[in-house]
C-alpha atoms as a PDB file:
ATOM      1  CA  UNK A   1     -12.622 -23.676 -55.443  1.00  0.00           C
ATOM      2  CA  UNK A   2      -9.147 -23.638 -56.969  1.00  0.00           C
ATOM      3  CA  UNK A   3      -8.231 -24.930 -60.421  1.00  0.00           C
ATOM      4  CA  UNK A   4      -6.253 -27.726 -58.741  1.00  0.00           C
ATOM      5  CA  UNK A   5      -9.325 -28.828 -56.749  1.00  0.00           C
ATOM      6  CA  UNK A   6     -11.559 -28.841 -59.839  1.00  0.00           C
ATOM      7  CA  UNK A   7      -9.052 -30.844 -61.862  1.00  0.00           C
ATOM      8  CA  UNK A   8      -8.550 -33.288 -58.995  1.00  0.00           C
ATOM      9  CA  UNK A   9     -12.327 -33.826 -58.835  1.00  0.00           C
ATOM     10  CA  UNK A  10     -12.445 -34.387 -62.604  1.00  0.00           C
ATOM     11  CA  UNK A  11      -9.509 -36.833 -62.463  1.00  0.00           C
ATOM     12  CA  UNK A  12     -11.265 -38.791 -59.711  1.00  0.00           C
ATOM     13  CA  UNK A  13     -14.589 -38.719 -61.596  1.00  0.00           C
ATOM     14  CA  UNK A  14     -13.897 -39.080 -65.326  1.00  0.00           C
ATOM     15  CA  UNK A  15     -16.691 -39.369 -67.861  1.00  0.00           C
ATOM     16  CA  UNK A  16     -20.248 -38.269 -67.243  1.00  0.00           C
ATOM     17  CA  UNK A  17     -23.167 -39.926 -65.476  1.00  0.00           C
ATOM     18  CA  UNK A  18     -26.099 -39.058 -63.267  1.00  0.00           C
ATOM     19  CA  UNK A  19     -23.998 -40.162 -60.276  1.00  0.00           C
ATOM     20  CA  UNK A  20     -21.341 -37.622 -61.219  1.00  0.00           C
ATOM     21  CA  UNK A  21     -24.003 -34.911 -61.468  1.00  0.00           C
ATOM     22  CA  UNK A  22     -25.111 -35.713 -57.916  1.00  0.00           C
ATOM     23  CA  UNK A  23     -21.482 -35.633 -56.689  1.00  0.00           C
ATOM     24  CA  UNK A  24     -20.999 -32.234 -58.360  1.00  0.00           C
ATOM     25  CA  UNK A  25     -24.038 -30.839 -56.576  1.00  0.00           C
ATOM     26  CA  UNK A  26     -23.276 -32.455 -53.200  1.00  0.00           C
ATOM     27  CA  UNK A  27     -19.488 -32.158 -53.008  1.00  0.00           C
ATOM     28  CA  UNK A  28     -18.863 -28.957 -54.947  1.00  0.00           C
ATOM     29  CA  UNK A  29     -22.138 -27.149 -54.343  1.00  0.00           C
ATOM     30  CA  UNK A  30     -22.613 -26.011 -57.962  1.00  0.00           C
ATOM     31  CA  UNK A  31     -24.823 -27.073 -60.837  1.00  0.00           C
ATOM     32  CA  UNK A  32     -23.346 -29.399 -63.468  1.00  0.00           C
ATOM     33  CA  UNK A  33     -23.524 -26.604 -66.069  1.00  0.00           C
ATOM     34  CA  UNK A  34     -21.566 -24.259 -63.808  1.00  0.00           C
ATOM     35  CA  UNK A  35     -19.068 -27.048 -63.090  1.00  0.00           C
ATOM     36  CA  UNK A  36     -18.328 -27.450 -66.794  1.00  0.00           C
ATOM     37  CA  UNK A  37     -17.672 -23.718 -67.170  1.00  0.00           C
ATOM     38  CA  UNK A  38     -15.414 -23.649 -64.111  1.00  0.00           C
ATOM     39  CA  UNK A  39     -13.619 -26.813 -65.204  1.00  0.00           C
ATOM     40  CA  UNK A  40     -12.878 -25.419 -68.677  1.00  0.00           C
ATOM     41  CA  UNK A  41     -11.500 -22.226 -67.128  1.00  0.00           C
ATOM     42  CA  UNK A  42      -9.417 -24.198 -64.642  1.00  0.00           C
ATOM     43  CA  UNK A  43      -7.994 -26.434 -67.368  1.00  0.00           C
ATOM     44  CA  UNK A  44      -7.057 -23.431 -69.499  1.00  0.00           C
ATOM     45  CA  UNK A  45      -5.390 -21.571 -66.624  1.00  0.00           C
ATOM     46  CA  UNK A  46      -1.661 -21.735 -65.926  1.00  0.00           C
ATOM     47  CA  UNK A  47      -2.358 -22.834 -62.351  1.00  0.00           C
ATOM     48  CA  UNK A  48      -4.531 -25.712 -63.556  1.00  0.00           C
ATOM     49  CA  UNK A  49      -2.032 -26.821 -66.178  1.00  0.00           C
ATOM     50  CA  UNK A  50       0.729 -26.785 -63.577  1.00  0.00           C
ATOM     51  CA  UNK A  51      -1.359 -28.699 -61.025  1.00  0.00           C
ATOM     52  CA  UNK A  52      -2.544 -31.509 -63.321  1.00  0.00           C
ATOM     53  CA  UNK A  53      -1.298 -31.217 -66.916  1.00  0.00           C
ATOM     54  CA  UNK A  54      -2.796 -34.528 -68.054  1.00  0.00           C
ATOM     55  CA  UNK A  55      -6.337 -33.803 -66.882  1.00  0.00           C
ATOM     56  CA  UNK A  56      -6.070 -30.179 -68.060  1.00  0.00           C
ATOM     57  CA  UNK A  57      -5.075 -31.366 -71.529  1.00  0.00           C
ATOM     58  CA  UNK A  58      -7.880 -33.932 -71.613  1.00  0.00           C
ATOM     59  CA  UNK A  59     -10.452 -31.305 -70.656  1.00  0.00           C
ATOM     60  CA  UNK A  60      -9.230 -28.668 -73.116  1.00  0.00           C
ATOM     61  CA  UNK A  61      -8.894 -31.094 -76.010  1.00  0.00           C
ATOM     62  CA  UNK A  62     -12.341 -32.600 -75.390  1.00  0.00           C
ATOM     63  CA  UNK A  63     -14.198 -29.287 -75.079  1.00  0.00           C
ATOM     64  CA  UNK A  64     -15.250 -27.793 -78.424  1.00  0.00           C
ATOM     65  CA  UNK A  65     -13.572 -24.470 -79.179  1.00  0.00           C
ATOM     66  CA  UNK A  66     -15.926 -21.604 -78.418  1.00  0.00           C
ATOM     67  CA  UNK A  67     -14.053 -19.067 -80.479  1.00  0.00           C
ATOM     68  CA  UNK A  68     -11.829 -19.113 -83.487  1.00  0.00           C
ATOM     69  CA  UNK A  69      -9.757 -16.285 -84.868  1.00  0.00           C
ATOM     70  CA  UNK A  70      -9.807 -15.336 -88.549  1.00  0.00           C
ATOM     71  CA  UNK A  71      -6.449 -13.661 -89.166  1.00  0.00           C
ATOM     72  CA  UNK A  72      -7.360 -12.648 -92.734  1.00  0.00           C
ATOM     73  CA  UNK A  73     -10.288 -10.426 -91.764  1.00  0.00           C
ATOM     74  CA  UNK A  74     -10.093  -6.770 -90.861  1.00  0.00           C
ATOM     75  CA  UNK A  75      -9.170  -6.197 -87.185  1.00  0.00           C
ATOM     76  CA  UNK A  76     -12.726  -5.281 -86.147  1.00  0.00           C
ATOM     77  CA  UNK A  77     -14.077  -8.526 -87.601  1.00  0.00           C
ATOM     78  CA  UNK A  78     -11.506 -11.057 -86.428  1.00  0.00           C
ATOM     79  CA  UNK A  79     -13.375 -12.745 -83.605  1.00  0.00           C
ATOM     80  CA  UNK A  80     -15.926 -15.178 -84.961  1.00  0.00           C
ATOM     81  CA  UNK A  81     -18.215 -17.072 -82.638  1.00  0.00           C
ATOM     82  CA  UNK A  82     -19.045 -20.681 -83.430  1.00  0.00           C
ATOM     83  CA  UNK A  83     -22.690 -21.239 -82.654  1.00  0.00           C
ATOM     84  CA  UNK A  84     -24.091 -24.711 -81.960  1.00  0.00           C
ATOM     85  CA  UNK A  85     -26.148 -26.221 -84.751  1.00  0.00           C
END
């Protein structure tokens, strides 16, 4: 599955519902959790941004940031992981 194909699927199926979960399983052959991971990667990739910049931006701006960088810390301690509450 290419980034362009994932973003095209997301553009054709915006939002989230149980029907979308069934389409993900039937049409793409992956679990909804795996789809979200693949979609976030596709939206962040150069190929995905070139293929569908609007959907890529919507996906990346909606997804919570997984990492943040603390530029004031020592180099070995810069990467901080945001954990869900």
